[in-house]
Amino acid sequence: MTAITQTCTATDAGLRTRLTTAIQRMQDNRARRAIYRQTVRELNALTTRDLDDLGINRSMITALAHEAAWGPAR
C-alpha cells in the first residue's frame, strides 16, 4: 500500500508543478501584453512632430512596443 501512496503523491507533485508553471506563464504573458498595449497606446497618442523629435516613425510603433514587452528580436 505504501508504494501506491508514494506513486500518487509523486504524480500529484508533478501535476502541481506543471499547473503552477502554466499559471505563471499565463500571468507573465498577460503582463507582457499589457506592456505592449500601453506602449502602443502612449506612442499613438503622440503627435507626428513629437515622434519625429524622438526619431520614431509611426510605422515603427508596433515593433518598438513588441521590443518593450518581449525584448529585442533574436
PDB file of N, CA and C in Angstrom:
ATOM      1  N   MET A   1       0.798  -1.193   0.000  1.00  0.00           N
ATOM      2  CA  MET A   1       0.000   0.000   0.000  1.00  0.00           C
ATOM      3  C   MET A   1       0.849   1.269   0.000  1.00  0.00           C
ATOM      4  N   THR A   2       1.992   1.208   0.636  1.00  0.00           N
ATOM      5  CA  THR A   2       2.871   2.368   0.713  1.00  0.00           C
ATOM      6  C   THR A   2       3.349   2.779  -0.672  1.00  0.00           C
ATOM      7  N   ALA A   3       3.675   1.819  -1.521  1.00  0.00           N
ATOM      8  CA  ALA A   3       4.166   2.113  -2.866  1.00  0.00           C
ATOM      9  C   ALA A   3       3.121   2.854  -3.678  1.00  0.00           C
ATOM     10  N   ILE A   4       1.857   2.491  -3.539  1.00  0.00           N
ATOM     11  CA  ILE A   4       0.783   3.155  -4.276  1.00  0.00           C
ATOM     12  C   ILE A   4       0.620   4.594  -3.790  1.00  0.00           C
ATOM     13  N   THR A   5       0.695   4.818  -2.494  1.00  0.00           N
ATOM     14  CA  THR A   5       0.553   6.162  -1.935  1.00  0.00           C
ATOM     15  C   THR A   5       1.695   7.050  -2.396  1.00  0.00           C
ATOM     16  N   GLN A   6       2.908   6.544  -2.392  1.00  0.00           N
ATOM     17  CA  GLN A   6       4.059   7.330  -2.811  1.00  0.00           C
ATOM     18  C   GLN A   6       3.982   7.653  -4.300  1.00  0.00           C
ATOM     19  N   THR A   7       3.508   6.743  -5.102  1.00  0.00           N
ATOM     20  CA  THR A   7       3.369   6.974  -6.531  1.00  0.00           C
ATOM     21  C   THR A   7       2.344   8.064  -6.809  1.00  0.00           C
ATOM     22  N   CYS A   8       1.227   8.006  -6.121  1.00  0.00           N
ATOM     23  CA  CYS A   8       0.200   9.035  -6.303  1.00  0.00           C
ATOM     24  C   CYS A   8       0.700  10.395  -5.857  1.00  0.00           C
ATOM     25  N   THR A   9       1.444  10.436  -4.759  1.00  0.00           N
ATOM     26  CA  THR A   9       1.974  11.694  -4.260  1.00  0.00           C
ATOM     27  C   THR A   9       2.967  12.276  -5.259  1.00  0.00           C
ATOM     28  N   ALA A  10       3.804  11.440  -5.831  1.00  0.00           N
ATOM     29  CA  ALA A  10       4.774  11.910  -6.826  1.00  0.00           C
ATOM     30  C   ALA A  10       4.052  12.432  -8.063  1.00  0.00           C
ATOM     31  N   THR A  11       2.999  11.754  -8.483  1.00  0.00           N
ATOM     32  CA  THR A  11       2.226  12.189  -9.643  1.00  0.00           C
ATOM     33  C   THR A  11       1.531  13.506  -9.346  1.00  0.00           C
ATOM     34  N   ASP A  12       0.974  13.626  -8.141  1.00  0.00           N
ATOM     35  CA  ASP A  12       0.305  14.868  -7.759  1.00  0.00           C
ATOM     36  C   ASP A  12       1.287  16.029  -7.728  1.00  0.00           C
ATOM     37  N   ALA A  13       2.509  15.763  -7.232  1.00  0.00           N
ATOM     38  CA  ALA A  13       3.522  16.820  -7.173  1.00  0.00           C
ATOM     39  C   ALA A  13       3.913  17.255  -8.580  1.00  0.00           C
ATOM     40  N   GLY A  14       4.046  16.299  -9.504  1.00  0.00           N
ATOM     41  CA  GLY A  14       4.387  16.643 -10.884  1.00  0.00           C
ATOM     42  C   GLY A  14       3.288  17.440 -11.555  1.00  0.00           C
ATOM     43  N   LEU A  15       2.055  17.046 -11.309  1.00  0.00           N
ATOM     44  CA  LEU A  15       0.918  17.776 -11.863  1.00  0.00           C
ATOM     45  C   LEU A  15       0.841  19.172 -11.269  1.00  0.00           C
ATOM     46  N   ARG A  16       1.055  19.276  -9.970  1.00  0.00           N
ATOM     47  CA  ARG A  16       1.020  20.572  -9.298  1.00  0.00           C
ATOM     48  C   ARG A  16       2.101  21.499  -9.866  1.00  0.00           C
ATOM     49  N   THR A  17       3.280  20.956 -10.101  1.00  0.00           N
ATOM     50  CA  THR A  17       4.379  21.749 -10.670  1.00  0.00           C
ATOM     51  C   THR A  17       4.031  22.225 -12.069  1.00  0.00           C
ATOM     52  N   ARG A  18       3.478  21.345 -12.880  1.00  0.00           N
ATOM     53  CA  ARG A  18       3.104  21.725 -14.248  1.00  0.00           C
ATOM     54  C   ARG A  18       2.011  22.792 -14.242  1.00  0.00           C
ATOM     55  N   LEU A  19       1.027  22.631 -13.354  1.00  0.00           N
ATOM     56  CA  LEU A  19      -0.047  23.634 -13.268  1.00  0.00           C
ATOM     57  C   LEU A  19       0.494  24.980 -12.793  1.00  0.00           C
ATOM     58  N   THR A  20       1.364  24.949 -11.792  1.00  0.00           N
ATOM     59  CA  THR A  20       1.959  26.193 -11.287  1.00  0.00           C
ATOM     60  C   THR A  20       2.771  26.882 -12.375  1.00  0.00           C
ATOM     61  N   THR A  21       3.534  26.108 -13.120  1.00  0.00           N
ATOM     62  CA  THR A  21       4.333  26.668 -14.216  1.00  0.00           C
ATOM     63  C   THR A  21       3.435  27.266 -15.290  1.00  0.00           C
ATOM     64  N   ALA A  22       2.358  26.574 -15.633  1.00  0.00           N
ATOM     65  CA  ALA A  22       1.425  27.079 -16.653  1.00  0.00           C
ATOM     66  C   ALA A  22       0.759  28.368 -16.187  1.00  0.00           C
ATOM     67  N   ILE A  23       0.374  28.430 -14.926  1.00  0.00           N
ATOM     68  CA  ILE A  23      -0.257  29.641 -14.393  1.00  0.00           C
ATOM     69  C   ILE A  23       0.725  30.798 -14.394  1.00  0.00           C
ATOM     70  N   GLN A  24       1.972  30.544 -14.002  1.00  0.00           N
ATOM     71  CA  GLN A  24       2.991  31.600 -14.008  1.00  0.00           C
ATOM     72  C   GLN A  24       3.249  32.096 -15.429  1.00  0.00           C
ATOM     73  N   ARG A  25       3.281  31.184 -16.384  1.00  0.00           N
ATOM     74  CA  ARG A  25       3.500  31.561 -17.786  1.00  0.00           C
ATOM     75  C   ARG A  25       2.347  32.437 -18.298  1.00  0.00           C
ATOM     76  N   MET A  26       1.119  32.072 -17.936  1.00  0.00           N
ATOM     77  CA  MET A  26      -0.044  32.872 -18.353  1.00  0.00           C
ATOM     78  C   MET A  26      -0.009  34.261 -17.721  1.00  0.00           C
ATOM     79  N   GLN A  27       0.379  34.347 -16.459  1.00  0.00           N
ATOM     80  CA  GLN A  27       0.476  35.647 -15.796  1.00  0.00           C
ATOM     81  C   GLN A  27       1.566  36.503 -16.430  1.00  0.00           C
ATOM     82  N   ASP A  28       2.685  35.884 -16.768  1.00  0.00           N
ATOM     83  CA  ASP A  28       3.773  36.612 -17.418  1.00  0.00           C
ATOM     84  C   ASP A  28       3.338  37.119 -18.789  1.00  0.00           C
ATOM     85  N   ASN A  29       2.671  36.273 -19.559  1.00  0.00           N
ATOM     86  CA  ASN A  29       2.191  36.688 -20.883  1.00  0.00           C
ATOM     87  C   ASN A  29       1.161  37.808 -20.770  1.00  0.00           C
ATOM     88  N   ARG A  30       0.293  37.725 -19.768  1.00  0.00           N
ATOM     89  CA  ARG A  30      -0.708  38.778 -19.571  1.00  0.00           C
ATOM     90  C   ARG A  30      -0.032  40.108 -19.250  1.00  0.00           C
ATOM     91  N   ALA A  31       0.986  40.074 -18.410  1.00  0.00           N
ATOM     92  CA  ALA A  31       1.714  41.298 -18.058  1.00  0.00           C
ATOM     93  C   ALA A  31       2.441  41.869 -19.277  1.00  0.00           C
ATOM     94  N   ARG A  32       3.030  40.998 -20.087  1.00  0.00           N
ATOM     95  CA  ARG A  32       3.736  41.462 -21.288  1.00  0.00           C
ATOM     96  C   ARG A  32       2.760  42.070 -22.303  1.00  0.00           C
ATOM     97  N   ARG A  33       1.584  41.465 -22.458  1.00  0.00           N
ATOM     98  CA  ARG A  33       0.585  42.031 -23.369  1.00  0.00           C
ATOM     99  C   ARG A  33       0.120  43.402 -22.878  1.00  0.00           C
ATOM    100  N   ALA A  34       0.018  43.568 -21.570  1.00  0.00           N
ATOM    101  CA  ALA A  34      -0.377  44.868 -21.008  1.00  0.00           C
ATOM    102  C   ALA A  34       0.685  45.923 -21.306  1.00  0.00           C
ATOM    103  N   ILE A  35       1.949  45.556 -21.190  1.00  0.00           N
ATOM    104  CA  ILE A  35       3.040  46.479 -21.519  1.00  0.00           C
ATOM    105  C   ILE A  35       2.987  46.841 -22.996  1.00  0.00           C
ATOM    106  N   TYR A  36       2.764  45.849 -23.845  1.00  0.00           N
ATOM    107  CA  TYR A  36       2.675  46.082 -25.285  1.00  0.00           C
ATOM    108  C   TYR A  36       1.550  47.073 -25.598  1.00  0.00           C
ATOM    109  N   ARG A  37       0.347  46.791 -25.060  1.00  0.00           N
ATOM    110  CA  ARG A  37      -0.807  47.662 -25.342  1.00  0.00           C
ATOM    111  C   ARG A  37      -0.587  49.072 -24.815  1.00  0.00           C
ATOM    112  N   GLN A  38      -0.007  49.196 -23.620  1.00  0.00           N
ATOM    113  CA  GLN A  38       0.241  50.524 -23.054  1.00  0.00           C
ATOM    114  C   GLN A  38       1.248  51.294 -23.894  1.00  0.00           C
ATOM    115  N   THR A  39       2.290  50.630 -24.337  1.00  0.00           N
ATOM    116  CA  THR A  39       3.307  51.290 -25.158  1.00  0.00           C
ATOM    117  C   THR A  39       2.706  51.766 -26.473  1.00  0.00           C
ATOM    118  N   VAL A  40       1.925  50.916 -27.128  1.00  0.00           N
ATOM    119  CA  VAL A  40       1.280  51.307 -28.387  1.00  0.00           C
ATOM    120  C   VAL A  40       0.353  52.491 -28.147  1.00  0.00           C
ATOM    121  N   ARG A  41      -0.430  52.420 -27.082  1.00  0.00           N
ATOM    122  CA  ARG A  41      -1.382  53.491 -26.770  1.00  0.00           C
ATOM    123  C   ARG A  41      -0.656  54.822 -26.540  1.00  0.00           C
ATOM    124  N   GLU A  42       0.415  54.792 -25.765  1.00  0.00           N
ATOM    125  CA  GLU A  42       1.146  56.022 -25.453  1.00  0.00           C
ATOM    126  C   GLU A  42       1.847  56.599 -26.678  1.00  0.00           C
ATOM    127  N   LEU A  43       2.453  55.743 -27.494  1.00  0.00           N
ATOM    128  CA  LEU A  43       3.137  56.244 -28.686  1.00  0.00           C
ATOM    129  C   LEU A  43       2.137  56.760 -29.724  1.00  0.00           C
ATOM    130  N   ASN A  44       1.003  56.101 -29.849  1.00  0.00           N
ATOM    131  CA  ASN A  44      -0.017  56.587 -30.784  1.00  0.00           C
ATOM    132  C   ASN A  44      -0.615  57.919 -30.341  1.00  0.00           C
ATOM    133  N   ALA A  45      -0.556  58.208 -29.050  1.00  0.00           N
ATOM    134  CA  ALA A  45      -1.102  59.466 -28.539  1.00  0.00           C
ATOM    135  C   ALA A  45      -0.204  60.657 -28.868  1.00  0.00           C
ATOM    136  N   LEU A  46       1.056  60.392 -29.196  1.00  0.00           N
ATOM    137  CA  LEU A  46       1.983  61.482 -29.529  1.00  0.00           C
ATOM    138  C   LEU A  46       1.690  62.029 -30.919  1.00  0.00           C
ATOM    139  N   THR A  47       2.006  63.292 -31.088  1.00  0.00           N
ATOM    140  CA  THR A  47       1.857  63.902 -32.411  1.00  0.00           C
ATOM    141  C   THR A  47       3.002  63.430 -33.297  1.00  0.00           C
ATOM    142  N   THR A  48       2.832  63.614 -34.594  1.00  0.00           N
ATOM    143  CA  THR A  48       3.879  63.245 -35.534  1.00  0.00           C
ATOM    144  C   THR A  48       5.144  64.036 -35.254  1.00  0.00           C
ATOM    145  N   ARG A  49       4.984  65.275 -34.868  1.00  0.00           N
ATOM    146  CA  ARG A  49       6.153  66.104 -34.556  1.00  0.00           C
ATOM    147  C   ARG A  49       6.900  65.567 -33.334  1.00  0.00           C
ATOM    148  N   ASP A  50       6.145  65.159 -32.305  1.00  0.00           N
ATOM    149  CA  ASP A  50       6.784  64.581 -31.120  1.00  0.00           C
ATOM    150  C   ASP A  50       7.532  63.298 -31.481  1.00  0.00           C
ATOM    151  N   LEU A  51       6.914  62.470 -32.303  1.00  0.00           N
ATOM    152  CA  LEU A  51       7.575  61.237 -32.731  1.00  0.00           C
ATOM    153  C   LEU A  51       8.834  61.546 -33.536  1.00  0.00           C
ATOM    154  N   ASP A  52       8.760  62.555 -34.409  1.00  0.00           N
ATOM    155  CA  ASP A  52       9.938  62.953 -35.188  1.00  0.00           C
ATOM    156  C   ASP A  52      11.065  63.399 -34.269  1.00  0.00           C
ATOM    157  N   ASP A  53      10.721  64.143 -33.202  1.00  0.00           N
ATOM    158  CA  ASP A  53      11.735  64.584 -32.244  1.00  0.00           C
ATOM    159  C   ASP A  53      12.413  63.399 -31.563  1.00  0.00           C
ATOM    160  N   LEU A  54      11.659  62.328 -31.379  1.00  0.00           N
ATOM    161  CA  LEU A  54      12.211  61.123 -30.754  1.00  0.00           C
ATOM    162  C   LEU A  54      12.896  60.203 -31.756  1.00  0.00           C
ATOM    163  N   GLY A  55      12.770  60.531 -33.032  1.00  0.00           N
ATOM    164  CA  GLY A  55      13.365  59.701 -34.076  1.00  0.00           C
ATOM    165  C   GLY A  55      12.561  58.445 -34.352  1.00  0.00           C
ATOM    166  N   ILE A  56      11.239  58.548 -34.134  1.00  0.00           N
ATOM    167  CA  ILE A  56      10.354  57.402 -34.327  1.00  0.00           C
ATOM    168  C   ILE A  56       9.371  57.698 -35.445  1.00  0.00           C
ATOM    169  N   ASN A  57       9.229  56.757 -36.352  1.00  0.00           N
ATOM    170  CA  ASN A  57       8.223  56.850 -37.403  1.00  0.00           C
ATOM    171  C   ASN A  57       6.999  56.056 -36.925  1.00  0.00           C
ATOM    172  N   ARG A  58       5.806  56.461 -37.347  1.00  0.00           N
ATOM    173  CA  ARG A  58       4.595  55.755 -36.903  1.00  0.00           C
ATOM    174  C   ARG A  58       4.621  54.270 -37.260  1.00  0.00           C
ATOM    175  N   SER A  59       5.276  53.932 -38.344  1.00  0.00           N
ATOM    176  CA  SER A  59       5.337  52.529 -38.744  1.00  0.00           C
ATOM    177  C   SER A  59       6.206  51.698 -37.793  1.00  0.00           C
ATOM    178  N   MET A  60       6.968  52.351 -36.938  1.00  0.00           N
ATOM    179  CA  MET A  60       7.851  51.651 -36.008  1.00  0.00           C
ATOM    180  C   MET A  60       7.182  51.357 -34.663  1.00  0.00           C
ATOM    181  N   ILE A  61       5.992  51.889 -34.437  1.00  0.00           N
ATOM    182  CA  ILE A  61       5.377  51.812 -33.112  1.00  0.00           C
ATOM    183  C   ILE A  61       5.168  50.376 -32.655  1.00  0.00           C
ATOM    184  N   THR A  62       4.602  49.532 -33.496  1.00  0.00           N
ATOM    185  CA  THR A  62       4.333  48.156 -33.053  1.00  0.00           C
ATOM    186  C   THR A  62       5.634  47.397 -32.782  1.00  0.00           C
ATOM    187  N   ALA A  63       6.652  47.623 -33.586  1.00  0.00           N
ATOM    188  CA  ALA A  63       7.936  46.948 -33.360  1.00  0.00           C
ATOM    189  C   ALA A  63       8.566  47.418 -32.048  1.00  0.00           C
ATOM    190  N   LEU A  64       8.476  48.701 -31.762  1.00  0.00           N
ATOM    191  CA  LEU A  64       9.012  49.231 -30.513  1.00  0.00           C
ATOM    192  C   LEU A  64       8.238  48.696 -29.306  1.00  0.00           C
ATOM    193  N   ALA A  65       6.927  48.602 -29.447  1.00  0.00           N
ATOM    194  CA  ALA A  65       6.104  48.075 -28.357  1.00  0.00           C
ATOM    195  C   ALA A  65       6.427  46.596 -28.119  1.00  0.00           C
ATOM    196  N   HIS A  66       6.615  45.859 -29.191  1.00  0.00           N
ATOM    197  CA  HIS A  66       6.968  44.445 -29.072  1.00  0.00           C
ATOM    198  C   HIS A  66       8.308  44.299 -28.356  1.00  0.00           C
ATOM    199  N   GLU A  67       9.264  45.135 -28.708  1.00  0.00           N
ATOM    200  CA  GLU A  67      10.566  45.105 -28.062  1.00  0.00           C
ATOM    201  C   GLU A  67      10.481  45.481 -26.588  1.00  0.00           C
ATOM    202  N   ALA A  68       9.603  46.450 -26.280  1.00  0.00           N
ATOM    203  CA  ALA A  68       9.436  46.848 -24.879  1.00  0.00           C
ATOM    204  C   ALA A  68       8.861  45.713 -24.042  1.00  0.00           C
ATOM    205  N   ALA A  69       7.972  44.943 -24.631  1.00  0.00           N
ATOM    206  CA  ALA A  69       7.315  43.875 -23.885  1.00  0.00           C
ATOM    207  C   ALA A  69       8.113  42.576 -23.863  1.00  0.00           C
ATOM    208  N   TRP A  70       8.694  42.196 -24.992  1.00  0.00           N
ATOM    209  CA  TRP A  70       9.342  40.886 -25.087  1.00  0.00           C
ATOM    210  C   TRP A  70      10.844  40.951 -25.326  1.00  0.00           C
ATOM    211  N   GLY A  71      11.409  42.145 -25.398  1.00  0.00           N
ATOM    212  CA  GLY A  71      12.837  42.274 -25.617  1.00  0.00           C
ATOM    213  C   GLY A  71      13.180  42.329 -27.095  1.00  0.00           C
ATOM    214  N   PRO A  72      14.446  42.545 -27.384  1.00  0.00           N
ATOM    215  CA  PRO A  72      14.862  42.660 -28.790  1.00  0.00           C
ATOM    216  C   PRO A  72      14.680  41.336 -29.539  1.00  0.00           C
ATOM    217  N   ALA A  73      14.432  41.462 -30.836  1.00  0.00           N
ATOM    218  CA  ALA A  73      14.265  40.266 -31.678  1.00  0.00           C
ATOM    219  C   ALA A  73      15.594  39.538 -31.777  1.00  0.00           C
ATOM    220  N   ARG A  74      15.503  38.231 -31.840  1.00  0.00           N
ATOM    221  CA  ARG A  74      16.743  37.435 -31.910  1.00  0.00           C
ATOM    222  C   ARG A  74      17.104  37.127 -33.313  1.00  0.00           C
TER     223      ARG A  74
END
